[in-house]
Amino acid sequence: MSKAEFIAHVAQAGDLTNAEAKRMVELVFGEIENGLKRARKDGKYTIGTFGTFTISKRPTRTGRNPRTGEPIQIKASKSLRFRPSSTLKDAAGC
């Protein structure tokens, strides 16, 4: 589903104009973004009955070039993970 389709669904479900729905969706996404920025310290951002975003850190490691077999250094990185709440899992039938 594209963002525009999502906004259209919100507008229809909430009996809103597309402009109002877009503003609300942008506010929600913006707050999630701000929460993730704050979560850089402890690596966790929980939204009540929605789920939890966690930031995991991957250390530097040695890998192999698949063409030559030569060892290479892979830089440290961060990854964003999402764990849905049990309420969300139940809604999805999981």
N, C-alpha and C. Protein backbone atom coordinates (compact mmCIF):
# COMPACT_ATOMS: atom_id res chain seq x y z
N MET A 1 0.85 -1.17 0.00
CA MET A 1 0.00 0.00 0.00
C MET A 1 0.89 1.23 0.00
N SER A 2 0.63 2.14 -0.89
CA SER A 2 1.40 3.38 -0.95
C SER A 2 0.90 4.34 0.13
N LYS A 3 1.68 5.39 0.37
CA LYS A 3 1.30 6.37 1.37
C LYS A 3 0.01 7.08 0.96
N ALA A 4 -0.13 7.36 -0.34
CA ALA A 4 -1.35 8.03 -0.84
C ALA A 4 -2.58 7.13 -0.64
N GLU A 5 -2.43 5.84 -0.86
CA GLU A 5 -3.54 4.91 -0.64
C GLU A 5 -3.89 4.85 0.85
N PHE A 6 -2.87 4.85 1.69
CA PHE A 6 -3.08 4.83 3.13
C PHE A 6 -3.86 6.07 3.57
N ILE A 7 -3.46 7.22 3.05
CA ILE A 7 -4.15 8.48 3.38
C ILE A 7 -5.60 8.43 2.91
N ALA A 8 -5.84 7.88 1.73
CA ALA A 8 -7.20 7.76 1.21
C ALA A 8 -8.05 6.86 2.10
N HIS A 9 -7.47 5.75 2.60
CA HIS A 9 -8.20 4.85 3.51
C HIS A 9 -8.53 5.55 4.82
N VAL A 10 -7.57 6.31 5.35
CA VAL A 10 -7.81 7.04 6.60
C VAL A 10 -8.91 8.08 6.39
N ALA A 11 -8.86 8.77 5.26
CA ALA A 11 -9.88 9.80 4.96
C ALA A 11 -11.26 9.17 4.88
N GLN A 12 -11.35 8.03 4.22
CA GLN A 12 -12.65 7.36 4.08
C GLN A 12 -13.15 6.83 5.42
N ALA A 13 -12.27 6.18 6.17
CA ALA A 13 -12.67 5.60 7.46
C ALA A 13 -13.03 6.66 8.49
N GLY A 14 -12.36 7.80 8.43
CA GLY A 14 -12.60 8.85 9.41
C GLY A 14 -13.54 9.93 8.94
N ASP A 15 -14.11 9.75 7.76
CA ASP A 15 -15.00 10.75 7.17
C ASP A 15 -14.32 12.12 7.15
N LEU A 16 -13.09 12.14 6.59
CA LEU A 16 -12.27 13.35 6.53
C LEU A 16 -11.96 13.69 5.08
N THR A 17 -11.52 14.90 4.87
CA THR A 17 -11.02 15.24 3.54
C THR A 17 -9.62 14.64 3.41
N ASN A 18 -9.15 14.51 2.18
CA ASN A 18 -7.80 13.97 1.97
C ASN A 18 -6.75 14.87 2.62
N ALA A 19 -6.96 16.17 2.60
CA ALA A 19 -6.00 17.09 3.21
C ALA A 19 -5.92 16.89 4.72
N GLU A 20 -7.07 16.72 5.37
CA GLU A 20 -7.10 16.49 6.82
C GLU A 20 -6.45 15.15 7.16
N ALA A 21 -6.76 14.13 6.37
CA ALA A 21 -6.18 12.80 6.61
C ALA A 21 -4.67 12.83 6.41
N LYS A 22 -4.22 13.53 5.38
CA LYS A 22 -2.78 13.64 5.12
C LYS A 22 -2.08 14.30 6.29
N ARG A 23 -2.68 15.36 6.82
CA ARG A 23 -2.09 16.06 7.97
C ARG A 23 -2.00 15.14 9.18
N MET A 24 -3.04 14.37 9.43
CA MET A 24 -3.02 13.45 10.57
C MET A 24 -1.99 12.34 10.39
N VAL A 25 -1.94 11.76 9.20
CA VAL A 25 -0.95 10.71 8.93
C VAL A 25 0.46 11.27 9.09
N GLU A 26 0.71 12.46 8.56
CA GLU A 26 2.02 13.09 8.69
C GLU A 26 2.37 13.34 10.16
N LEU A 27 1.39 13.75 10.96
CA LEU A 27 1.62 13.96 12.40
C LEU A 27 2.01 12.66 13.09
N VAL A 28 1.29 11.58 12.79
CA VAL A 28 1.59 10.28 13.41
C VAL A 28 2.98 9.80 13.00
N PHE A 29 3.27 9.83 11.69
CA PHE A 29 4.59 9.40 11.22
C PHE A 29 5.69 10.29 11.80
N GLY A 30 5.43 11.58 11.90
CA GLY A 30 6.40 12.50 12.48
C GLY A 30 6.68 12.19 13.94
N GLU A 31 5.64 11.85 14.67
CA GLU A 31 5.84 11.51 16.09
C GLU A 31 6.61 10.21 16.25
N ILE A 32 6.36 9.24 15.39
CA ILE A 32 7.13 7.99 15.43
C ILE A 32 8.60 8.30 15.13
N GLU A 33 8.83 9.15 14.14
CA GLU A 33 10.19 9.55 13.80
C GLU A 33 10.88 10.23 14.98
N ASN A 34 10.18 11.17 15.62
CA ASN A 34 10.75 11.86 16.79
C ASN A 34 11.03 10.89 17.93
N GLY A 35 10.13 9.94 18.14
CA GLY A 35 10.33 8.94 19.17
C GLY A 35 11.55 8.08 18.90
N LEU A 36 11.76 7.74 17.64
CA LEU A 36 12.95 6.95 17.28
C LEU A 36 14.23 7.76 17.48
N LYS A 37 14.16 9.05 17.22
CA LYS A 37 15.34 9.90 17.46
C LYS A 37 15.66 9.94 18.95
N ARG A 38 14.62 10.02 19.79
CA ARG A 38 14.83 10.00 21.25
C ARG A 38 15.30 8.63 21.71
N ALA A 39 14.92 7.58 20.98
CA ALA A 39 15.25 6.21 21.37
C ALA A 39 16.70 5.86 21.09
N ARG A 40 17.43 6.73 20.44
CA ARG A 40 18.84 6.44 20.16
C ARG A 40 19.62 6.17 21.43
N LYS A 41 19.17 6.76 22.55
CA LYS A 41 19.88 6.59 23.81
C LYS A 41 19.70 5.18 24.37
N ASP A 42 18.45 4.72 24.50
CA ASP A 42 18.22 3.40 25.09
C ASP A 42 17.89 2.33 24.05
N GLY A 43 17.69 2.73 22.80
CA GLY A 43 17.47 1.78 21.72
C GLY A 43 16.09 1.18 21.64
N LYS A 44 15.09 1.81 22.30
CA LYS A 44 13.75 1.23 22.34
C LYS A 44 12.68 2.31 22.32
N TYR A 45 11.63 2.10 21.51
CA TYR A 45 10.50 3.03 21.46
C TYR A 45 9.23 2.21 21.37
N THR A 46 8.40 2.30 22.40
CA THR A 46 7.18 1.51 22.49
C THR A 46 5.96 2.40 22.29
N ILE A 47 5.03 1.91 21.48
CA ILE A 47 3.75 2.59 21.28
C ILE A 47 2.66 1.64 21.76
N GLY A 48 2.17 1.89 22.96
CA GLY A 48 1.10 1.14 23.61
C GLY A 48 0.70 -0.19 23.00
N THR A 49 -0.48 -0.26 22.42
CA THR A 49 -0.98 -1.52 21.89
C THR A 49 -0.61 -1.72 20.42
N PHE A 50 0.36 -0.94 19.93
CA PHE A 50 0.81 -1.07 18.54
C PHE A 50 2.03 -1.96 18.44
N GLY A 51 3.08 -1.64 19.19
CA GLY A 51 4.29 -2.46 19.16
C GLY A 51 5.50 -1.69 19.63
N THR A 52 6.67 -2.31 19.46
CA THR A 52 7.92 -1.74 19.92
C THR A 52 8.94 -1.72 18.79
N PHE A 53 9.54 -0.55 18.59
CA PHE A 53 10.65 -0.40 17.66
C PHE A 53 11.93 -0.51 18.48
N THR A 54 12.90 -1.28 18.01
CA THR A 54 14.19 -1.37 18.68
C THR A 54 15.30 -1.10 17.67
N ILE A 55 16.35 -0.48 18.17
CA ILE A 55 17.52 -0.21 17.34
C ILE A 55 18.59 -1.21 17.77
N SER A 56 18.98 -2.08 16.85
CA SER A 56 20.02 -3.04 17.17
C SER A 56 21.32 -2.62 16.50
N LYS A 57 22.41 -2.90 17.17
CA LYS A 57 23.73 -2.53 16.67
C LYS A 57 24.47 -3.78 16.22
N ARG A 58 25.06 -3.70 15.04
CA ARG A 58 25.87 -4.79 14.52
C ARG A 58 27.33 -4.37 14.59
N PRO A 59 28.18 -5.17 15.19
CA PRO A 59 29.59 -4.79 15.30
C PRO A 59 30.33 -4.96 13.96
N THR A 60 31.52 -4.38 13.89
CA THR A 60 32.39 -4.59 12.73
C THR A 60 32.73 -6.08 12.66
N ARG A 61 32.75 -6.60 11.43
CA ARG A 61 33.06 -8.02 11.28
C ARG A 61 33.81 -8.26 9.98
N THR A 62 34.37 -9.43 9.88
CA THR A 62 35.09 -9.81 8.67
C THR A 62 34.18 -10.66 7.81
N GLY A 63 34.11 -10.31 6.53
CA GLY A 63 33.33 -11.07 5.57
C GLY A 63 34.22 -11.52 4.43
N ARG A 64 33.62 -12.08 3.41
CA ARG A 64 34.39 -12.53 2.25
C ARG A 64 33.79 -11.97 0.97
N ASN A 65 34.65 -11.54 0.07
CA ASN A 65 34.22 -11.12 -1.26
C ASN A 65 33.79 -12.39 -2.00
N PRO A 66 32.54 -12.49 -2.45
CA PRO A 66 32.08 -13.73 -3.07
C PRO A 66 32.79 -14.07 -4.39
N ARG A 67 33.30 -13.07 -5.08
CA ARG A 67 34.01 -13.33 -6.36
C ARG A 67 35.41 -13.87 -6.16
N THR A 68 36.13 -13.24 -5.21
CA THR A 68 37.54 -13.59 -5.06
C THR A 68 37.82 -14.44 -3.82
N GLY A 69 36.90 -14.45 -2.87
CA GLY A 69 37.13 -15.16 -1.62
C GLY A 69 38.01 -14.39 -0.66
N GLU A 70 38.41 -13.18 -1.06
CA GLU A 70 39.29 -12.35 -0.25
C GLU A 70 38.54 -11.81 0.97
N PRO A 71 39.16 -11.84 2.17
CA PRO A 71 38.50 -11.29 3.36
C PRO A 71 38.38 -9.76 3.26
N ILE A 72 37.24 -9.23 3.72
CA ILE A 72 37.01 -7.79 3.73
C ILE A 72 36.41 -7.40 5.07
N GLN A 73 36.61 -6.14 5.47
CA GLN A 73 36.03 -5.62 6.71
C GLN A 73 34.65 -5.06 6.41
N ILE A 74 33.66 -5.46 7.16
CA ILE A 74 32.30 -4.92 7.04
C ILE A 74 32.11 -3.98 8.23
N LYS A 75 31.75 -2.73 7.91
CA LYS A 75 31.64 -1.70 8.95
C LYS A 75 30.50 -2.00 9.92
N ALA A 76 30.61 -1.44 11.11
CA ALA A 76 29.54 -1.52 12.10
C ALA A 76 28.32 -0.78 11.55
N SER A 77 27.14 -1.25 11.92
CA SER A 77 25.92 -0.61 11.43
C SER A 77 24.81 -0.74 12.46
N LYS A 78 23.72 -0.02 12.19
CA LYS A 78 22.54 -0.10 13.04
C LYS A 78 21.39 -0.60 12.19
N SER A 79 20.44 -1.26 12.84
CA SER A 79 19.27 -1.79 12.15
C SER A 79 18.03 -1.49 12.98
N LEU A 80 16.93 -1.18 12.30
CA LEU A 80 15.67 -0.91 12.98
C LEU A 80 14.79 -2.15 12.90
N ARG A 81 14.27 -2.58 14.02
CA ARG A 81 13.39 -3.75 14.08
C ARG A 81 12.07 -3.36 14.72
N PHE A 82 11.03 -4.08 14.36
CA PHE A 82 9.70 -3.83 14.90
C PHE A 82 9.12 -5.12 15.43
N ARG A 83 8.62 -5.08 16.65
CA ARG A 83 7.96 -6.23 17.25
C ARG A 83 6.52 -5.81 17.56
N PRO A 84 5.54 -6.38 16.85
CA PRO A 84 4.15 -5.98 17.07
C PRO A 84 3.65 -6.46 18.43
N SER A 85 2.69 -5.72 18.97
CA SER A 85 2.08 -6.10 20.24
C SER A 85 1.16 -7.30 20.01
N SER A 86 0.76 -7.93 21.08
CA SER A 86 -0.14 -9.08 20.97
C SER A 86 -1.49 -8.67 20.39
N THR A 87 -1.94 -7.45 20.68
CA THR A 87 -3.19 -6.94 20.11
C THR A 87 -3.10 -6.85 18.59
N LEU A 88 -1.99 -6.33 18.10
CA LEU A 88 -1.78 -6.21 16.66
C LEU A 88 -1.63 -7.59 16.01
N LYS A 89 -0.95 -8.49 16.69
CA LYS A 89 -0.81 -9.87 16.18
C LYS A 89 -2.17 -10.54 16.07
N ASP A 90 -3.01 -10.36 17.09
CA ASP A 90 -4.34 -10.96 17.07
C ASP A 90 -5.18 -10.39 15.91
N ALA A 91 -5.04 -9.09 15.66
CA ALA A 91 -5.79 -8.47 14.56
C ALA A 91 -5.36 -9.01 13.22
N ALA A 92 -4.07 -9.39 13.11
CA ALA A 92 -3.54 -9.94 11.87
C ALA A 92 -3.77 -11.44 11.78
N GLY A 93 -4.26 -12.05 12.85
CA GLY A 93 -4.50 -13.49 12.86
C GLY A 93 -3.25 -14.31 13.05
N CYS A 94 -2.26 -13.74 13.72
CA CYS A 94 -0.99 -14.46 13.95
C CYS A 94 -0.95 -15.09 15.33
